Amino acid sequence: MEHISHKFMAPGIISINRKELTLFLNEEKILNRIYQDRSRGDLERARRNAQRGHEKWPDNFDISMELTQLCLDLSDYHGAVKLLKSTVMKNPGKKMEILQFSQETFYQTSNPFLGSFILEALIRNKDLERTSDFLGRASEEYITDLVTRSKTKSKGFIDTGNTNTPQFTDNELLLGLLFIEKRQFEDALSPMLNTLNNSPEHAKIIGGAMLNIQREFTRSALMEYILGLASMLLGHPDKAEKRFFKSLEFENPQFEKILDLVQKTDKKSENHLLLGGEILFRLGREKDGAESVKQYLMEENEWEQETEGNKIKQLFPGHI
């Protein structure tokens, strides 16, 4: 056990070992020790002091981040990511600052452990804008590797029937964004639809992502269906109706799914009977289709008569 040298001590003073000396340390002193060790280039010693401080004051943000940085400096990425996760949990108000730090470090190292931590946090928050920005600055090799891993994970969830879990939903969202980054827009549609089906509360951001790629990827029945579904979930059946009608112009429209939405929703669009009728005709159910169109025409006629009657009444003064 190390002791403080006697030549620096007054006669009669009992030597103090280093374990006992730590009792007199506070958070500021341990941080100063870390800074001094770092300035001397002794990173291992700095990490030992940071670890000692972290064990004694695990909620201290500055000590946690110093220990994280030292792990990174010493290429202990696994240890750094473990610390980052712990620090986020203990300091939720610092989450964005921690993510910013992690991203800047990733751009310098391209370490996959760090990248996974960043993506997990961004995807869990459904922060599509920052996720897309992060992927846009990552290397092509990293993106390709992520696509392979995400596709494998997706297949595993599907094979085991675990497609209603948050883990599957987050993986599908990431896979969709990865395909968008690689400009494989058609491949992105299915995972984005799975995400929308599993998390309808995020219809606005998913619909927004689809609108962004529609500027370059047009004439897709599935794209129009996804946008229509998002509109339905946001309470805009008339906007959805236009999307569904548009999807019928392209190959492989989602006949059954659109029909199910049109018939079961409580909030009907203006021409839902006409839309349903056309789909029924296209499905070979001519009798049901004709009945739906007939009902649409009857309601349309009743509405016109009622509107005309209101116009006639308005020709006379209010007291007549």
Protein backbone atom coordinates (compact mmCIF):
# COMPACT_ATOMS: atom_id res chain seq x y z
CA MET A 1 0.00 0.00 0.00
CA GLU A 2 1.39 3.42 -0.94
CA HIS A 3 2.03 6.02 1.76
CA ILE A 4 2.86 9.69 1.70
CA SER A 5 6.61 10.09 2.14
CA HIS A 6 7.77 10.90 5.70
CA LYS A 7 10.26 13.52 4.51
CA PHE A 8 7.33 15.83 3.68
CA MET A 9 5.75 15.35 7.12
CA ALA A 10 6.44 17.00 10.46
CA PRO A 11 7.88 14.76 13.18
CA GLY A 12 5.27 12.84 15.13
CA ILE A 13 2.64 12.93 12.36
CA ILE A 14 1.24 9.52 11.48
CA SER A 15 1.41 8.62 7.78
CA ILE A 16 -1.90 8.46 5.88
CA ASN A 17 -2.45 5.87 3.17
CA ARG A 18 -4.13 6.82 -0.08
CA LYS A 19 -7.36 4.97 0.71
CA GLU A 20 -7.75 7.12 3.82
CA LEU A 21 -6.81 10.24 1.84
CA THR A 22 -9.81 9.81 -0.48
CA LEU A 23 -12.05 10.55 2.49
CA PHE A 24 -10.91 14.17 2.26
CA LEU A 25 -11.63 14.48 -1.47
CA ASN A 26 -14.61 16.39 -2.82
CA GLU A 27 -16.01 16.62 -6.34
CA GLU A 28 -14.02 19.72 -7.24
CA LYS A 29 -10.74 18.19 -6.07
CA ILE A 30 -11.26 14.96 -8.01
CA LEU A 31 -11.99 16.96 -11.16
CA ASN A 32 -8.79 18.96 -10.63
CA ARG A 33 -6.83 15.71 -10.29
CA ILE A 34 -8.32 14.45 -13.55
CA TYR A 35 -7.40 17.70 -15.34
CA GLN A 36 -3.85 17.57 -13.97
CA ASP A 37 -3.35 13.94 -15.01
CA ARG A 38 -4.69 14.71 -18.47
CA SER A 39 -2.43 17.72 -18.86
CA ARG A 40 0.56 15.48 -18.07
CA GLY A 41 -0.58 12.99 -20.69
CA ASP A 42 -1.24 10.25 -18.11
CA LEU A 43 -4.66 9.14 -19.37
CA GLU A 44 -4.69 5.84 -17.49
CA ARG A 45 -4.12 7.61 -14.19
CA ALA A 46 -6.75 10.21 -15.12
CA ARG A 47 -9.24 7.45 -15.83
CA ARG A 48 -8.53 5.77 -12.48
CA ASN A 49 -9.21 9.03 -10.69
CA ALA A 50 -12.33 9.64 -12.78
CA GLN A 51 -13.54 6.12 -12.02
CA ARG A 52 -12.94 6.71 -8.31
CA GLY A 53 -14.91 9.94 -8.50
CA HIS A 54 -17.71 8.34 -10.50
CA GLU A 55 -18.10 5.57 -7.95
CA LYS A 56 -18.35 8.09 -5.11
CA TRP A 57 -20.52 10.68 -6.94
CA PRO A 58 -22.37 8.72 -9.68
CA ASP A 59 -24.82 11.58 -10.27
CA ASN A 60 -22.14 14.17 -10.99
CA PHE A 61 -22.52 15.06 -14.67
CA ASP A 62 -19.05 16.58 -15.13
CA ILE A 63 -17.25 13.59 -13.61
CA SER A 64 -19.33 11.16 -15.69
CA MET A 65 -18.51 13.01 -18.90
CA GLU A 66 -14.81 13.24 -18.02
CA LEU A 67 -14.74 9.48 -17.46
CA THR A 68 -16.60 8.96 -20.75
CA GLN A 69 -14.12 11.11 -22.65
CA LEU A 70 -11.18 9.24 -21.11
CA CYS A 71 -12.73 5.91 -22.15
CA LEU A 72 -13.02 7.28 -25.68
CA ASP A 73 -9.44 8.58 -25.62
CA LEU A 74 -8.29 5.10 -24.59
CA SER A 75 -10.49 3.45 -27.30
CA ASP A 76 -12.78 1.80 -24.75
CA TYR A 77 -15.92 2.47 -26.79
CA HIS A 78 -17.99 -0.20 -25.09
CA GLY A 79 -17.29 1.37 -21.69
CA ALA A 80 -17.97 4.87 -23.06
CA VAL A 81 -21.38 3.90 -24.45
CA LYS A 82 -22.33 2.19 -21.20
CA LEU A 83 -21.48 5.40 -19.35
CA LEU A 84 -23.40 7.54 -21.85
CA LYS A 85 -26.56 5.50 -21.35
CA SER A 86 -26.20 5.73 -17.59
CA THR A 87 -25.56 9.49 -17.74
CA VAL A 88 -28.66 10.09 -19.88
CA MET A 89 -30.82 8.20 -17.39
CA LYS A 90 -29.44 10.18 -14.44
CA ASN A 91 -29.45 13.53 -16.26
CA PRO A 92 -32.49 13.55 -18.62
CA GLY A 93 -32.29 17.32 -18.94
CA LYS A 94 -28.84 16.94 -20.50
CA LYS A 95 -29.94 14.43 -23.14
CA MET A 96 -29.55 16.73 -26.15
CA GLU A 97 -26.12 17.88 -24.93
CA ILE A 98 -25.01 14.26 -24.53
CA LEU A 99 -26.31 13.36 -28.00
CA GLN A 100 -24.52 16.33 -29.54
CA PHE A 101 -21.28 15.25 -27.85
CA SER A 102 -21.80 11.67 -29.06
CA GLN A 103 -22.46 12.73 -32.64
CA GLU A 104 -19.38 14.95 -32.83
CA THR A 105 -17.29 12.07 -31.50
CA PHE A 106 -18.84 9.61 -33.95
CA TYR A 107 -18.00 11.81 -36.95
CA GLN A 108 -14.36 11.60 -35.86
CA THR A 109 -14.26 7.87 -35.07
CA SER A 110 -17.14 6.18 -36.99
CA ASN A 111 -17.34 3.70 -34.13
CA PRO A 112 -20.40 1.41 -34.54
CA PHE A 113 -21.03 1.17 -30.75
CA LEU A 114 -21.33 4.94 -30.58
CA GLY A 115 -23.43 5.06 -33.75
CA SER A 116 -25.89 2.52 -32.36
CA PHE A 117 -26.27 4.54 -29.16
CA ILE A 118 -27.05 7.71 -31.13
CA LEU A 119 -29.54 6.06 -33.48
CA GLU A 120 -31.29 4.23 -30.67
CA ALA A 121 -31.86 7.51 -28.83
CA LEU A 122 -33.00 9.43 -31.94
CA ILE A 123 -35.31 6.70 -33.22
CA ARG A 124 -36.85 6.16 -29.78
CA ASN A 125 -37.71 9.88 -29.74
CA LYS A 126 -39.02 9.65 -33.32
CA ASP A 127 -36.68 12.52 -34.21
CA LEU A 128 -36.67 11.89 -37.94
CA GLU A 129 -35.02 15.17 -38.87
CA ARG A 130 -31.94 14.63 -36.69
CA THR A 131 -31.81 10.95 -37.64
CA SER A 132 -31.77 11.82 -41.34
CA ASP A 133 -29.09 14.46 -40.74
CA PHE A 134 -26.98 11.95 -38.81
CA LEU A 135 -27.30 9.31 -41.54
CA GLY A 136 -26.51 11.91 -44.19
CA ARG A 137 -23.12 12.57 -42.57
CA ALA A 138 -22.26 8.90 -42.03
CA SER A 139 -20.13 6.91 -44.46
CA GLU A 140 -21.62 4.79 -47.24
CA GLU A 141 -19.98 1.72 -45.74
CA TYR A 142 -21.62 2.39 -42.36
CA ILE A 143 -25.06 2.90 -43.95
CA THR A 144 -24.77 -0.32 -45.98
CA ASP A 145 -23.78 -2.27 -42.88
CA LEU A 146 -26.76 -0.82 -40.97
CA VAL A 147 -29.16 -1.82 -43.76
CA THR A 148 -27.90 -5.40 -43.64
CA ARG A 149 -28.22 -5.59 -39.85
CA SER A 150 -31.65 -3.93 -39.79
CA LYS A 151 -33.01 -6.25 -42.49
CA THR A 152 -31.76 -9.26 -40.52
CA LYS A 153 -33.39 -7.97 -37.34
CA SER A 154 -36.65 -7.29 -39.18
CA LYS A 155 -36.74 -10.83 -40.58
CA GLY A 156 -36.12 -12.19 -37.10
CA PHE A 157 -39.07 -10.26 -35.67
CA ILE A 158 -41.34 -11.41 -38.50
CA ASP A 159 -40.25 -15.05 -38.28
CA THR A 160 -40.99 -15.13 -34.54
CA GLY A 161 -44.25 -13.21 -34.83
CA ASN A 162 -42.99 -10.27 -32.76
CA THR A 163 -44.23 -7.55 -35.11
CA ASN A 164 -46.29 -5.60 -32.58
CA THR A 165 -43.37 -4.74 -30.31
CA PRO A 166 -41.73 -1.31 -29.91
CA GLN A 167 -38.42 -2.91 -30.92
CA PHE A 168 -39.84 -4.06 -34.26
CA THR A 169 -41.44 -0.65 -34.86
CA ASP A 170 -38.22 1.23 -34.13
CA ASN A 171 -36.22 -1.13 -36.35
CA GLU A 172 -38.71 -0.67 -39.22
CA LEU A 173 -38.52 3.10 -38.90
CA LEU A 174 -34.72 2.98 -39.00
CA LEU A 175 -34.79 0.62 -41.98
CA GLY A 176 -37.15 2.93 -43.85
CA LEU A 177 -34.94 5.96 -43.18
CA LEU A 178 -31.86 4.01 -44.25
CA PHE A 179 -33.50 3.14 -47.58
CA ILE A 180 -34.49 6.78 -48.02
CA GLU A 181 -30.88 7.84 -47.37
CA LYS A 182 -29.75 5.34 -50.04
CA ARG A 183 -32.50 6.70 -52.32
CA GLN A 184 -34.12 3.29 -52.55
CA PHE A 185 -37.54 4.86 -52.16
CA GLU A 186 -39.63 1.86 -53.17
CA ASP A 187 -37.87 -0.32 -50.60
CA ALA A 188 -38.58 2.30 -47.92
CA LEU A 189 -42.38 2.11 -48.29
CA SER A 190 -43.07 -1.23 -46.61
CA PRO A 191 -41.10 -0.56 -43.40
CA MET A 192 -42.57 2.95 -43.17
CA LEU A 193 -46.07 1.50 -43.51
CA ASN A 194 -45.31 -1.02 -40.77
CA THR A 195 -44.16 1.86 -38.56
CA LEU A 196 -47.35 3.82 -39.26
CA ASN A 197 -49.56 0.82 -38.54
CA ASN A 198 -47.80 0.18 -35.22
CA SER A 199 -47.56 3.79 -34.09
CA PRO A 200 -50.52 5.77 -35.49
CA GLU A 201 -49.82 8.53 -32.97
CA HIS A 202 -46.82 9.46 -35.13
CA ALA A 203 -48.84 9.79 -38.34
CA LYS A 204 -47.82 13.43 -38.81
CA ILE A 205 -44.05 12.88 -38.83
CA ILE A 206 -44.25 9.70 -40.91
CA GLY A 207 -46.59 11.36 -43.39
CA GLY A 208 -44.17 14.29 -43.56
CA ALA A 209 -41.28 11.96 -44.38
CA MET A 210 -43.34 10.39 -47.17
CA LEU A 211 -44.25 13.79 -48.61
CA ASN A 212 -40.57 14.68 -48.78
CA ILE A 213 -39.68 11.68 -50.94
CA GLN A 214 -42.82 11.92 -53.08
CA ARG A 215 -41.27 14.91 -54.79
CA GLU A 216 -38.83 12.46 -56.40
CA PHE A 217 -40.76 9.19 -56.20
CA THR A 218 -44.14 9.55 -57.92
CA ARG A 219 -46.73 7.21 -59.44
CA SER A 220 -46.76 4.75 -56.56
CA ALA A 221 -50.03 3.21 -55.34
CA LEU A 222 -48.46 2.21 -52.03
CA MET A 223 -47.09 5.72 -51.48
CA GLU A 224 -50.53 7.23 -52.04
CA TYR A 225 -52.07 4.67 -49.70
CA ILE A 226 -49.60 5.51 -46.91
CA LEU A 227 -50.28 9.23 -47.31
CA GLY A 228 -54.03 8.54 -47.34
CA LEU A 229 -53.78 6.41 -44.21
CA ALA A 230 -51.79 9.14 -42.45
CA SER A 231 -54.50 11.67 -43.39
CA MET A 232 -57.19 9.36 -42.02
CA LEU A 233 -55.31 8.95 -38.75
CA LEU A 234 -54.98 12.73 -38.49
CA GLY A 235 -58.74 13.16 -38.94
CA HIS A 236 -58.77 14.38 -42.56
CA PRO A 237 -60.94 11.86 -44.47
CA ASP A 238 -61.43 14.17 -47.48
CA LYS A 239 -57.67 14.51 -47.97
CA ALA A 240 -57.34 10.75 -47.56
CA GLU A 241 -60.06 10.19 -50.15
CA LYS A 242 -58.11 12.14 -52.78
CA ARG A 243 -55.02 10.03 -52.04
CA PHE A 244 -57.00 6.78 -52.28
CA PHE A 245 -58.61 7.79 -55.59
CA LYS A 246 -55.13 8.72 -56.88
CA SER A 247 -53.70 5.35 -55.83
CA LEU A 248 -56.25 3.58 -58.03
CA GLU A 249 -54.53 5.06 -61.10
CA PHE A 250 -51.32 3.11 -60.47
CA GLU A 251 -50.29 -0.53 -60.38
CA ASN A 252 -51.15 -2.78 -57.42
CA PRO A 253 -53.42 -0.49 -55.39
CA GLN A 254 -54.39 -1.55 -51.86
CA PHE A 255 -58.02 -2.34 -52.75
CA GLU A 256 -59.00 -4.33 -49.65
CA LYS A 257 -57.23 -2.05 -47.19
CA ILE A 258 -58.76 1.11 -48.66
CA LEU A 259 -62.22 -0.45 -48.73
CA ASP A 260 -61.89 -1.53 -45.11
CA LEU A 261 -60.88 1.99 -44.06
CA VAL A 262 -63.66 3.64 -46.04
CA GLN A 263 -66.37 1.35 -44.72
CA LYS A 264 -65.34 1.17 -41.06
CA THR A 265 -64.29 4.74 -40.26
CA ASP A 266 -66.75 6.85 -38.27
CA LYS A 267 -65.76 10.07 -39.96
CA LYS A 268 -66.79 9.64 -43.60
CA SER A 269 -65.44 11.56 -46.56
CA GLU A 270 -67.82 13.29 -48.97
CA ASN A 271 -67.49 10.71 -51.76
CA HIS A 272 -66.81 7.60 -49.70
CA LEU A 273 -69.68 5.67 -51.32
CA LEU A 274 -68.38 6.45 -54.82
CA LEU A 275 -64.85 5.43 -53.82
CA GLY A 276 -66.13 2.23 -52.24
CA GLY A 277 -68.22 1.49 -55.31
CA GLU A 278 -65.29 1.85 -57.68
CA ILE A 279 -63.15 -0.45 -55.55
CA LEU A 280 -65.91 -3.06 -55.36
CA PHE A 281 -66.23 -2.98 -59.16
CA ARG A 282 -62.47 -3.38 -59.51
CA LEU A 283 -62.60 -6.36 -57.13
CA GLY A 284 -65.24 -8.03 -59.32
CA ARG A 285 -68.09 -7.43 -56.86
CA GLU A 286 -70.30 -5.67 -59.42
CA LYS A 287 -73.58 -6.00 -57.49
CA ASP A 288 -72.15 -4.49 -54.30
CA GLY A 289 -70.39 -1.82 -56.34
CA ALA A 290 -73.58 -0.84 -58.14
CA GLU A 291 -75.46 -0.63 -54.83
CA SER A 292 -72.79 1.64 -53.36
CA VAL A 293 -72.82 3.95 -56.40
CA LYS A 294 -76.65 3.99 -56.38
CA GLN A 295 -76.67 5.04 -52.74
CA TYR A 296 -74.10 7.72 -53.51
CA LEU A 297 -76.27 9.15 -56.33
CA MET A 298 -79.38 9.12 -54.12
CA GLU A 299 -77.60 11.01 -51.35
CA GLU A 300 -76.15 13.42 -53.89
CA ASN A 301 -79.64 14.09 -55.29
CA GLU A 302 -81.08 14.65 -51.82
CA TRP A 303 -78.28 17.07 -50.99
CA GLU A 304 -78.85 19.06 -54.21
CA GLN A 305 -82.60 19.29 -53.53
CA GLU A 306 -81.98 20.45 -49.97
CA THR A 307 -79.46 23.06 -51.16
CA GLU A 308 -81.84 24.33 -53.83
CA GLY A 309 -84.63 24.60 -51.25
CA ASN A 310 -82.43 26.66 -48.97
CA LYS A 311 -81.58 29.00 -51.85
CA ILE A 312 -85.31 29.58 -52.60
CA LYS A 313 -86.10 30.35 -48.98
CA GLN A 314 -83.35 32.94 -48.90
CA LEU A 315 -85.16 34.97 -51.64
CA PHE A 316 -87.80 36.04 -49.12
CA PRO A 317 -87.43 38.25 -46.06
CA GLY A 318 -86.70 36.45 -42.81
CA HIS A 319 -90.20 37.11 -41.33
CA ILE A 320 -92.05 35.39 -44.25
